[in-house]
Amino acid sequence: MNIYNVPIEISTYQQIVKLLPLEAHYSRRKMGNGFCLKTWNEVIKRLKTDKFCYAIFPGDIRDTGRPSARERREYMFHEYERKPALTEEDENDQYVLDSTIIKDLKPVAHKIIGMLDGDHFVRYADGSTSTQYLCEKLGIPGAYLGERLGGARMTFRMKHAACSLNILARHGVGGTGRIGSDINRLISQNEQFRADLYIGGHTHKKWFYPMNITYFGKYELKNKVIGYARAGSMLRSSVKGQVLYNEIAEMSPLKMGYPEIYIYLKRSPSNNDHLEISDIRGLT
């Protein structure tokens, strides 16, 4: 598991920082996918214009086949013996990334606090992945958090004061039915991890759930808020005249988009030179 530290200089002790968990399923296909380029472009514009808005990608940034499909094909047709052909295939895939996702994300690369592979990515002949390639070409190689699980730390600073928000991101496994079971599943999957914010993808549901935690301070009981969020997706569903991903996968119609997470910072009441996170809220 990789951990990526992102230092963020804030401009006031009462700063609100926004974080957008994004599962894009980016695709150039005209039919069968449902990817909404308009939503993607709106997110890019927001990251450009909002100084204190950041993004994290908990997997499936693109809508490729699963890497296991390529592995099966290689063994079925002995393609693993044709290294030059596989290398050419990788270079073609990277050319597509260069002209689409990388081109779009390059101006906002400093706003990305992490990326996971998820289920849909390309594993290249040299063992690296298309998500690693994205991060390297964007100039943020450390933002590659891993295939399915990783950590990110947002370190907020103002003058000599600082505090951190620890984030555990996972892609997610298994299908869920109702929203309550989806929330419970993400909470139970993270029971033995300690973080301030837990982010998942995979189910295409979008929600934010805050939880109040009571713990022992030095002399008294203290409280803090932690958060759980599911990233949604940029896939449309149930469009007249089209058969899209949710129908092919027999998923319920889901609202397209992503949650918005708001991190509230303030001066520490016990020390005016210290920062602390006073609240974490979400908008879905």
Protein backbone atom coordinates (compact mmCIF):
# COMPACT_ATOMS: atom_id res chain seq x y z
CA MET A 1 0.00 0.00 0.00
CA ASN A 2 1.35 3.40 -0.98
CA ILE A 3 0.80 6.69 0.89
CA TYR A 4 0.97 10.07 -0.86
CA ASN A 5 1.51 13.26 1.14
CA VAL A 6 0.09 16.47 -0.32
CA PRO A 7 1.12 19.77 1.36
CA ILE A 8 -1.53 22.50 1.07
CA GLU A 9 -0.91 26.12 1.97
CA ILE A 10 -4.11 27.74 3.23
CA SER A 11 -4.82 31.46 3.32
CA THR A 12 -6.92 31.79 6.49
CA TYR A 13 -7.35 29.97 9.77
CA GLN A 14 -11.04 29.49 8.90
CA GLN A 15 -10.39 27.73 5.59
CA ILE A 16 -12.79 25.26 3.95
CA VAL A 17 -11.10 22.75 1.62
CA LYS A 18 -13.12 20.68 -0.86
CA LEU A 19 -12.33 17.13 -1.94
CA LEU A 20 -14.05 15.37 -4.86
CA PRO A 21 -13.91 11.54 -5.04
CA LEU A 22 -14.18 10.71 -8.76
CA GLU A 23 -14.80 7.44 -10.59
CA ALA A 24 -14.87 8.59 -14.19
CA HIS A 25 -14.99 5.51 -16.47
CA TYR A 26 -13.59 7.79 -19.17
CA SER A 27 -14.34 6.46 -22.66
CA ARG A 28 -14.38 7.68 -26.24
CA ARG A 29 -17.04 5.12 -27.20
CA LYS A 30 -20.23 6.62 -28.54
CA MET A 31 -22.48 3.73 -27.51
CA GLY A 32 -22.77 1.27 -24.64
CA ASN A 33 -20.70 3.11 -22.02
CA GLY A 34 -22.68 6.15 -20.90
CA PHE A 35 -19.63 8.26 -19.95
CA CYS A 36 -20.62 11.92 -19.65
CA LEU A 37 -17.88 14.12 -21.10
CA LYS A 38 -19.76 17.24 -20.00
CA THR A 39 -19.49 16.23 -16.32
CA TRP A 40 -15.78 15.44 -16.78
CA ASN A 41 -15.14 18.87 -18.30
CA GLU A 42 -17.10 20.60 -15.53
CA VAL A 43 -14.90 18.89 -12.91
CA ILE A 44 -11.71 19.94 -14.73
CA LYS A 45 -12.96 23.53 -14.86
CA ARG A 46 -13.79 23.51 -11.16
CA LEU A 47 -10.35 22.17 -10.22
CA LYS A 48 -8.79 24.93 -12.31
CA THR A 49 -10.82 27.78 -10.85
CA ASP A 50 -11.31 26.77 -7.20
CA LYS A 51 -7.99 27.18 -5.41
CA PHE A 52 -8.99 24.91 -2.53
CA CYS A 53 -10.68 22.11 -4.45
CA TYR A 54 -8.89 18.75 -4.86
CA ALA A 55 -9.65 15.34 -6.37
CA ILE A 56 -9.00 11.69 -5.60
CA PHE A 57 -9.64 8.78 -7.99
CA PRO A 58 -10.49 5.50 -6.17
CA GLY A 59 -10.16 3.41 -9.34
CA ASP A 60 -11.71 3.03 -12.79
CA ILE A 61 -10.61 6.40 -14.11
CA ARG A 62 -11.07 4.85 -17.57
CA ASP A 63 -13.45 2.27 -18.98
CA THR A 64 -11.11 -0.33 -20.39
CA GLY A 65 -11.48 -4.09 -20.15
CA ARG A 66 -10.11 -5.82 -17.07
CA PRO A 67 -6.41 -6.77 -17.15
CA SER A 68 -7.33 -10.44 -16.70
CA ALA A 69 -8.93 -10.41 -20.17
CA ARG A 70 -5.59 -9.52 -21.76
CA GLU A 71 -3.80 -12.18 -19.74
CA ARG A 72 -6.26 -14.86 -20.87
CA ARG A 73 -5.92 -13.76 -24.48
CA GLU A 74 -2.13 -13.85 -24.28
CA TYR A 75 -2.16 -17.47 -23.12
CA MET A 76 -4.94 -18.60 -25.45
CA PHE A 77 -3.17 -17.28 -28.54
CA HIS A 78 0.43 -17.46 -27.26
CA GLU A 79 0.75 -13.68 -27.56
CA TYR A 80 3.22 -13.66 -24.67
CA GLU A 81 5.74 -14.97 -27.23
CA ARG A 82 5.19 -11.85 -29.36
CA LYS A 83 6.80 -9.19 -27.16
CA PRO A 84 7.18 -6.58 -29.94
CA ALA A 85 3.46 -6.82 -30.72
CA LEU A 86 2.53 -6.40 -27.06
CA THR A 87 4.85 -3.40 -26.75
CA GLU A 88 3.22 -1.80 -29.78
CA GLU A 89 -0.19 -2.38 -28.23
CA ASP A 90 0.99 -0.67 -25.04
CA GLU A 91 2.37 2.28 -26.98
CA ASN A 92 -0.94 2.68 -28.83
CA ASP A 93 -2.80 2.71 -25.51
CA GLN A 94 -0.42 5.30 -24.07
CA TYR A 95 -0.86 7.47 -27.17
CA VAL A 96 -4.61 7.51 -26.50
CA LEU A 97 -3.99 8.48 -22.87
CA ASP A 98 -1.59 11.25 -23.92
CA SER A 99 -4.20 12.83 -26.17
CA THR A 100 -7.19 12.52 -23.82
CA ILE A 101 -7.00 12.07 -20.04
CA ILE A 102 -3.43 13.33 -19.62
CA LYS A 103 -4.11 16.36 -21.80
CA ASP A 104 -7.17 17.21 -19.69
CA LEU A 105 -5.59 16.59 -16.27
CA LYS A 106 -2.18 18.18 -16.89
CA PRO A 107 -3.27 21.71 -15.82
CA VAL A 108 -4.75 20.37 -12.57
CA ALA A 109 -2.24 17.61 -11.75
CA HIS A 110 -1.23 19.43 -8.55
CA LYS A 111 -4.85 19.09 -7.36
CA ILE A 112 -4.82 15.26 -7.52
CA ILE A 113 -4.12 13.60 -4.17
CA GLY A 114 -4.22 9.98 -5.34
CA MET A 115 -5.22 7.38 -7.94
CA LEU A 116 -6.02 3.66 -7.70
CA ASP A 117 -6.25 1.22 -10.60
CA GLY A 118 -9.56 -0.37 -9.57
CA ASP A 119 -11.07 -2.97 -11.91
CA HIS A 120 -10.69 -1.24 -15.28
CA PHE A 121 -7.10 -0.52 -16.31
CA VAL A 122 -4.40 -1.84 -18.63
CA ARG A 123 -1.48 -3.85 -17.33
CA TYR A 124 1.45 -3.32 -19.69
CA ALA A 125 3.98 -5.90 -20.84
CA ASP A 126 6.58 -4.54 -18.39
CA GLY A 127 4.23 -5.09 -15.41
CA SER A 128 3.31 -1.43 -14.88
CA THR A 129 -0.25 -0.16 -15.23
CA SER A 130 -2.00 2.54 -17.22
CA THR A 131 -2.73 4.39 -13.95
CA GLN A 132 0.98 4.45 -13.11
CA TYR A 133 1.63 5.82 -16.59
CA LEU A 134 -0.96 8.55 -16.02
CA CYS A 135 0.65 9.63 -12.75
CA GLU A 136 4.16 9.61 -14.20
CA LYS A 137 3.19 11.66 -17.27
CA LEU A 138 1.29 14.10 -15.05
CA GLY A 139 4.44 14.62 -12.98
CA ILE A 140 2.96 13.12 -9.80
CA PRO A 141 4.34 9.54 -9.68
CA GLY A 142 3.76 9.37 -5.93
CA ALA A 143 0.02 9.86 -6.45
CA TYR A 144 -0.23 6.26 -7.67
CA LEU A 145 -1.65 4.60 -4.56
CA GLY A 146 -1.77 1.03 -5.83
CA GLU A 147 -4.14 -1.37 -7.52
CA ARG A 148 -6.98 -1.45 -5.00
CA LEU A 149 -5.97 0.16 -1.68
CA GLY A 150 -3.84 3.14 -0.70
CA GLY A 151 -3.51 6.14 1.56
CA ALA A 152 -3.25 9.89 1.09
CA ARG A 153 -2.44 12.61 3.60
CA MET A 154 -3.50 16.21 3.09
CA THR A 155 -1.20 18.38 5.24
CA PHE A 156 -2.61 21.87 5.73
CA ARG A 157 -0.19 24.65 6.63
CA MET A 158 -0.46 28.33 7.50
CA LYS A 159 2.63 30.13 8.75
CA HIS A 160 4.00 27.84 11.49
CA ALA A 161 0.73 25.98 12.07
CA ALA A 162 -0.14 22.63 10.50
CA CYS A 163 -2.52 19.68 10.73
CA SER A 164 -3.23 16.63 8.59
CA LEU A 165 -6.19 14.70 7.23
CA ASN A 166 -5.48 10.99 6.74
CA ILE A 167 -7.44 9.30 3.95
CA LEU A 168 -7.82 5.60 3.21
CA ALA A 169 -8.96 4.94 -0.35
CA ARG A 170 -10.08 1.55 -1.63
CA HIS A 171 -11.75 0.59 -4.87
CA GLY A 172 -14.19 -1.87 -3.31
CA VAL A 173 -15.43 -5.38 -4.02
CA GLY A 174 -18.77 -7.11 -4.26
CA GLY A 175 -22.19 -5.85 -5.18
CA THR A 176 -24.62 -4.17 -2.81
CA GLY A 177 -28.33 -3.56 -3.00
CA ARG A 178 -29.78 -0.78 -0.91
CA ILE A 179 -27.90 2.31 0.21
CA GLY A 180 -27.81 1.17 3.85
CA SER A 181 -25.99 -2.05 2.99
CA ASP A 182 -23.53 -0.08 0.86
CA ILE A 183 -22.70 2.21 3.79
CA ASN A 184 -22.37 -0.72 6.18
CA ARG A 185 -20.11 -2.58 3.77
CA LEU A 186 -17.62 0.30 3.46
CA ILE A 187 -17.60 0.79 7.24
CA SER A 188 -17.01 -2.93 7.93
CA GLN A 189 -14.26 -3.17 5.29
CA ASN A 190 -12.34 -0.46 7.14
CA GLU A 191 -12.88 -1.65 10.73
CA GLN A 192 -9.21 -2.41 11.33
CA PHE A 193 -7.84 0.74 9.70
CA ARG A 194 -7.53 4.13 11.40
CA ALA A 195 -8.04 7.24 9.28
CA ASP A 196 -10.05 10.47 9.23
CA LEU A 197 -11.77 9.82 5.92
CA TYR A 198 -12.57 6.54 4.12
CA ILE A 199 -13.34 6.64 0.40
CA GLY A 200 -14.61 3.80 -1.78
CA GLY A 201 -15.67 3.31 -5.37
CA HIS A 202 -16.96 0.33 -7.36
CA THR A 203 -20.70 0.36 -6.58
CA HIS A 204 -21.42 3.62 -8.50
CA LYS A 205 -23.52 4.88 -5.59
CA LYS A 206 -22.68 8.37 -4.35
CA TRP A 207 -23.02 9.32 -0.73
CA PHE A 208 -21.25 10.78 2.29
CA TYR A 209 -21.78 9.53 5.84
CA PRO A 210 -20.28 11.33 8.88
CA MET A 211 -19.61 9.46 12.12
CA ASN A 212 -18.88 11.01 15.51
CA ILE A 213 -16.02 9.35 17.44
CA THR A 214 -15.45 9.77 21.18
CA TYR A 215 -11.96 9.13 22.51
CA PHE A 216 -9.82 9.75 25.60
CA GLY A 217 -7.84 12.98 25.67
CA LYS A 218 -5.13 13.78 28.18
CA TYR A 219 -7.58 14.94 30.87
CA GLU A 220 -11.06 14.59 29.34
CA LEU A 221 -13.19 12.85 26.75
CA LYS A 222 -12.96 14.35 23.27
CA ASN A 223 -14.99 14.09 20.09
CA LYS A 224 -14.09 14.17 16.43
CA VAL A 225 -15.91 13.58 13.17
CA ILE A 226 -14.70 11.04 10.62
CA GLY A 227 -16.26 10.48 7.23
CA TYR A 228 -17.14 7.69 4.79
CA ALA A 229 -17.84 8.38 1.12
CA ARG A 230 -18.63 6.44 -2.04
CA ALA A 231 -17.49 8.04 -5.28
CA GLY A 232 -20.46 7.52 -7.61
CA SER A 233 -19.56 7.55 -11.32
CA MET A 234 -19.66 9.69 -14.44
CA LEU A 235 -21.84 7.15 -16.24
CA ARG A 236 -25.36 8.01 -17.31
CA SER A 237 -28.00 5.34 -16.82
CA SER A 238 -31.39 4.53 -18.32
CA VAL A 239 -31.22 6.75 -21.41
CA LYS A 240 -34.03 6.29 -23.92
CA GLY A 241 -32.89 4.46 -27.05
CA GLN A 242 -29.54 3.35 -25.59
CA VAL A 243 -28.38 0.24 -23.76
CA LEU A 244 -25.82 1.50 -21.25
CA TYR A 245 -23.58 -0.05 -18.64
CA ASN A 246 -26.09 -0.19 -15.80
CA GLU A 247 -28.51 -2.21 -17.96
CA ILE A 248 -25.79 -4.57 -19.23
CA ALA A 249 -24.65 -5.17 -15.63
CA GLU A 250 -28.28 -5.33 -14.41
CA MET A 251 -27.71 -2.51 -11.95
CA SER A 252 -30.44 -0.23 -10.69
CA PRO A 253 -30.62 3.23 -12.27
CA LEU A 254 -28.14 5.41 -10.39
CA LYS A 255 -27.75 9.16 -10.19
CA MET A 256 -24.65 10.23 -12.07
CA GLY A 257 -22.04 12.38 -10.34
CA TYR A 258 -19.86 12.45 -7.25
CA PRO A 259 -20.07 13.57 -3.61
CA GLU A 260 -18.42 16.78 -2.43
CA ILE A 261 -16.50 16.59 0.84
CA TYR A 262 -15.93 19.76 2.86
CA ILE A 263 -13.03 19.88 5.33
CA TYR A 264 -13.37 22.68 7.89
CA LEU A 265 -10.18 24.07 9.44
CA LYS A 266 -9.85 26.41 12.41
CA ARG A 267 -7.41 27.62 15.04
CA SER A 268 -6.93 25.29 17.95
CA PRO A 269 -8.86 26.69 20.97
CA SER A 270 -5.96 25.75 23.26
CA ASN A 271 -3.23 27.26 21.07
CA ASN A 272 -3.83 30.04 18.53
CA ASP A 273 -0.73 29.03 16.59
CA HIS A 274 -2.09 25.54 15.93
CA LEU A 275 -4.52 24.31 13.27
CA GLU A 276 -7.12 21.60 13.66
CA ILE A 277 -9.91 20.03 11.63
CA SER A 278 -13.18 21.08 13.22
CA ASP A 279 -15.59 19.20 10.96
CA ILE A 280 -15.99 17.06 7.85
CA ARG A 281 -19.23 17.36 5.90
CA GLY A 282 -20.53 16.06 2.62
CA LEU A 283 -22.91 17.04 -0.15
CA THR A 284 -24.40 14.41 -2.45
